[in-house]
Structures are given as C-alpha cells and as structure tokens.
C-alpha atoms as a PDB file:
ATOM      1  CA  VAL A   1      -0.316  -0.281   0.301  1.00  0.00           C
ATOM      2  CA  GLN A   2       1.430   3.466  -0.807  1.00  0.00           C
ATOM      3  CA  LEU A   3      -0.096   6.990   0.296  1.00  0.00           C
ATOM      4  CA  GLN A   4      -0.023   9.503  -2.593  1.00  0.00           C
ATOM      5  CA  ALA A   5      -0.274  13.157  -1.175  1.00  0.00           C
ATOM      6  CA  SER A   6      -1.835  15.726  -3.310  1.00  0.00           C
ATOM      7  CA  GLY A   7      -3.016  19.269  -3.555  1.00  0.00           C
ATOM      8  CA  GLY A   8       0.121  21.687  -2.979  1.00  0.00           C
ATOM      9  CA  GLY A   9       0.436  24.657  -4.436  1.00  0.00           C
ATOM     10  CA  LEU A  10       1.291  28.481  -3.971  1.00  0.00           C
ATOM     11  CA  VAL A  11      -1.117  30.581  -2.285  1.00  0.00           C
ATOM     12  CA  GLN A  12      -1.100  34.564  -1.448  1.00  0.00           C
ATOM     13  CA  ALA A  13      -1.616  34.691   2.196  1.00  0.00           C
ATOM     14  CA  GLY A  14      -5.421  34.502   3.788  1.00  0.00           C
ATOM     15  CA  GLY A  15      -5.676  31.631   0.937  1.00  0.00           C
ATOM     16  CA  SER A  16      -7.364  28.554   1.434  1.00  0.00           C
ATOM     17  CA  LEU A  17      -5.830  25.037   0.325  1.00  0.00           C
ATOM     18  CA  ARG A  18      -6.672  21.404  -0.159  1.00  0.00           C
ATOM     19  CA  LEU A  19      -4.511  18.715   0.646  1.00  0.00           C
ATOM     20  CA  SER A  20      -4.901  15.417   0.138  1.00  0.00           C
ATOM     21  CA  CYS A  21      -3.205  11.682   1.020  1.00  0.00           C
ATOM     22  CA  ALA A  22      -4.976   8.920  -0.824  1.00  0.00           C
ATOM     23  CA  ALA A  23      -4.203   5.034   0.158  1.00  0.00           C
ATOM     24  CA  SER A  24      -3.824   2.633  -2.833  1.00  0.00           C
ATOM     25  CA  GLY A  25      -5.235  -0.534  -0.320  1.00  0.00           C
ATOM     26  CA  SER A  26      -6.703  -1.094   1.860  1.00  0.00           C
ATOM     27  CA  ILE A  27      -4.989  -0.451   5.509  1.00  0.00           C
ATOM     28  CA  ALA A  28      -5.290  -2.453   8.273  1.00  0.00           C
ATOM     29  CA  GLY A  29      -5.411  -1.890  12.323  1.00  0.00           C
ATOM     30  CA  ILE A  30      -4.373   2.222  11.957  1.00  0.00           C
ATOM     31  CA  LYS A  31      -3.500   4.120  15.070  1.00  0.00           C
ATOM     32  CA  ALA A  32      -4.148   7.212  13.895  1.00  0.00           C
ATOM     33  CA  MET A  33      -3.577   9.278  10.650  1.00  0.00           C
ATOM     34  CA  ARG A  34      -1.039  12.867  10.623  1.00  0.00           C
ATOM     35  CA  TRP A  35      -0.249  15.901   9.045  1.00  0.00           C
ATOM     36  CA  TYR A  36       3.372  16.619   9.120  1.00  0.00           C
ATOM     37  CA  ARG A  37       5.486  19.124   7.729  1.00  0.00           C
ATOM     38  CA  GLN A  38       9.173  20.321   7.497  1.00  0.00           C
ATOM     39  CA  ALA A  39       9.872  23.762   5.917  1.00  0.00           C
ATOM     40  CA  PRO A  40      13.726  24.816   5.250  1.00  0.00           C
ATOM     41  CA  GLY A  41      16.364  23.916   7.370  1.00  0.00           C
ATOM     42  CA  LYS A  42      13.547  22.813   9.849  1.00  0.00           C
ATOM     43  CA  GLU A  43      12.728  18.985  11.729  1.00  0.00           C
ATOM     44  CA  ARG A  44       9.469  17.846  10.653  1.00  0.00           C
ATOM     45  CA  GLU A  45       6.898  18.431  12.652  1.00  0.00           C
ATOM     46  CA  TRP A  46       3.305  17.791  13.754  1.00  0.00           C
ATOM     47  CA  VAL A  47       0.374  19.095  12.772  1.00  0.00           C
ATOM     48  CA  ALA A  48      -2.814  17.267  13.366  1.00  0.00           C
ATOM     49  CA  VAL A  49      -3.566  14.124  13.853  1.00  0.00           C
ATOM     50  CA  MET A  50      -6.998  12.115  14.039  1.00  0.00           C
ATOM     51  CA  THR A  51      -7.142   8.724  15.782  1.00  0.00           C
ATOM     52  CA  SER A  52     -10.735   6.826  16.497  1.00  0.00           C
ATOM     53  CA  GLY A  53     -11.601   9.082  19.110  1.00  0.00           C
ATOM     54  CA  THR A  54     -10.157  12.676  18.990  1.00  0.00           C
ATOM     55  CA  ILE A  55      -8.699  14.758  17.066  1.00  0.00           C
ATOM     56  CA  ASN A  56      -5.879  17.321  17.784  1.00  0.00           C
ATOM     57  CA  TYR A  57      -4.129  19.524  16.008  1.00  0.00           C
ATOM     58  CA  SER A  58      -0.482  22.208  16.784  1.00  0.00           C
ATOM     59  CA  ASP A  59      -0.951  24.682  18.765  1.00  0.00           C
ATOM     60  CA  SER A  60       0.451  27.125  15.942  1.00  0.00           C
ATOM     61  CA  VAL A  61      -2.183  25.674  13.188  1.00  0.00           C
ATOM     62  CA  LYS A  62      -5.337  25.449  16.300  1.00  0.00           C
ATOM     63  CA  GLY A  63      -8.577  26.939  14.245  1.00  0.00           C
ATOM     64  CA  ARG A  64      -7.240  27.254  10.805  1.00  0.00           C
ATOM     65  CA  PHE A  65      -6.598  23.836  10.010  1.00  0.00           C
ATOM     66  CA  THR A  66      -8.568  21.417   9.574  1.00  0.00           C
ATOM     67  CA  ILE A  67      -8.219  16.594   9.825  1.00  0.00           C
ATOM     68  CA  SER A  68     -10.776  14.845   7.996  1.00  0.00           C
ATOM     69  CA  ARG A  69     -11.028  11.570   6.735  1.00  0.00           C
ATOM     70  CA  ASP A  70     -12.906   9.488   3.870  1.00  0.00           C
ATOM     71  CA  ARG A  71     -13.419   5.882   4.370  1.00  0.00           C
ATOM     72  CA  ALA A  72     -14.855   5.361   1.144  1.00  0.00           C
ATOM     73  CA  LYS A  73     -12.320   7.232  -1.089  1.00  0.00           C
ATOM     74  CA  LYS A  74      -9.067   5.521   1.846  1.00  0.00           C
ATOM     75  CA  THR A  75      -8.389   9.459   1.860  1.00  0.00           C
ATOM     76  CA  VAL A  76      -7.537  11.440   4.516  1.00  0.00           C
ATOM     77  CA  TYR A  77      -7.988  15.404   3.804  1.00  0.00           C
ATOM     78  CA  LEU A  78      -6.320  18.409   5.492  1.00  0.00           C
ATOM     79  CA  GLN A  79      -8.350  21.399   4.984  1.00  0.00           C
ATOM     80  CA  MET A  80      -5.497  24.963   4.953  1.00  0.00           C
ATOM     81  CA  ASN A  81      -7.557  28.223   6.035  1.00  0.00           C
ATOM     82  CA  SER A  82      -5.903  31.576   6.565  1.00  0.00           C
ATOM     83  CA  LEU A  83      -2.971  30.429   5.640  1.00  0.00           C
ATOM     84  CA  GLU A  84       0.334  32.601   6.410  1.00  0.00           C
ATOM     85  CA  PRO A  85       3.796  32.432   5.608  1.00  0.00           C
ATOM     86  CA  GLU A  86       4.976  30.721   8.033  1.00  0.00           C
ATOM     87  CA  ASP A  87       2.950  28.320   6.488  1.00  0.00           C
ATOM     88  CA  THR A  88       5.516  27.182   3.999  1.00  0.00           C
ATOM     89  CA  ALA A  89       6.692  23.786   4.296  1.00  0.00           C
ATOM     90  CA  VAL A  90       7.078  20.187   2.309  1.00  0.00           C
ATOM     91  CA  TYR A  91       3.134  18.038   4.441  1.00  0.00           C
ATOM     92  CA  TYR A  92       4.183  14.608   4.535  1.00  0.00           C
ATOM     93  CA  CYS A  93       0.715  12.424   5.795  1.00  0.00           C
ATOM     94  CA  ASN A  94       1.638   9.149   7.329  1.00  0.00           C
ATOM     95  CA  VAL A  95      -0.654   7.283   8.468  1.00  0.00           C
ATOM     96  CA  ALA A  96       0.241   4.649  12.247  1.00  0.00           C
ATOM     97  CA  THR A  97      -0.853   0.786  12.119  1.00  0.00           C
ATOM     98  CA  VAL A  98       0.044  -1.985  14.697  1.00  0.00           C
ATOM     99  CA  TYR A  99       1.944  -3.481  12.449  1.00  0.00           C
ATOM    100  CA  ARG A 100       3.998  -0.458  10.995  1.00  0.00           C
ATOM    101  CA  GLU A 101       3.416   3.287   9.282  1.00  0.00           C
ATOM    102  CA  TYR A 102       3.126   4.037   6.416  1.00  0.00           C
ATOM    103  CA  TRP A 103       4.547   7.817   4.453  1.00  0.00           C
ATOM    104  CA  GLY A 104       3.658   9.374   1.920  1.00  0.00           C
ATOM    105  CA  GLN A 105       5.747  11.498  -0.178  1.00  0.00           C
ATOM    106  CA  GLY A 106       5.445  14.832   0.295  1.00  0.00           C
ATOM    107  CA  THR A 107       3.697  17.828  -1.187  1.00  0.00           C
ATOM    108  CA  GLN A 108       4.934  21.503  -1.203  1.00  0.00           C
ATOM    109  CA  VAL A 109       3.351  24.305   0.471  1.00  0.00           C
ATOM    110  CA  THR A 110       4.009  27.949  -0.468  1.00  0.00           C
ATOM    111  CA  VAL A 111       2.676  30.391   0.847  1.00  0.00           C
ATOM    112  CA  SER A 112       3.819  34.325  -0.167  1.00  0.00           C
ATOM    113  CA  SER A 113       3.129  37.642   1.868  1.00  0.00           C
END
C-alpha cells in the first residue's frame, strides 16, 4: 500500500488549500492518521492527528486547519485556511498501524506574503 499526497501549491497569505492523502489499498489496524510538515532548515513537525476517537492540532495551526477522512475513498484530508507565510513547508501524511507506519511522498505548500 502506498500513500499519495496531493493538493499543494502556491497561495497568497490568507488563502486556503486542501491537501489529500489517498491510500492505494486498504490498510488494516490503523491507530492514527497524521499530517506533518517540514520547512526549509527545520525539523519535521506534527500538525494534525486523527484517531478513532480524537482529533488534535498543534498550537500553530489550531483554529485554521482541519483534518478529516473519507473512508470510502481511503483518503485523509487537511483543509488549511487563513494560510500564513510561516505555513510554507513540505507536508507529509502518515498512517500508523499496529504493524507499521506508512508515509506519503510530501506535497509542497508555499504561502506568499
């Protein structure tokens, strides 16, 4: 199974983007689905997580980003609103199961001021 991330691009500050992370097949034993990001020269950081019972966001994106899931499409989304230049990064999706982790290939988000 592979994860395919898409939806990145160039947007002006204050704009919105929706990232998608589609699985090529069914994934068993899912514990959590996450979005991470890595800005140039910085470490990868977690921004949003969805488990069977909870959703959480990092303080830097809380109130602006929304993680969601479409089970039928095997896809996880990250709706990003009120984007800021500080949100510029490569965004990665991650699915953690009881057996292993899966990573998407990353999608570039660039926010211009």
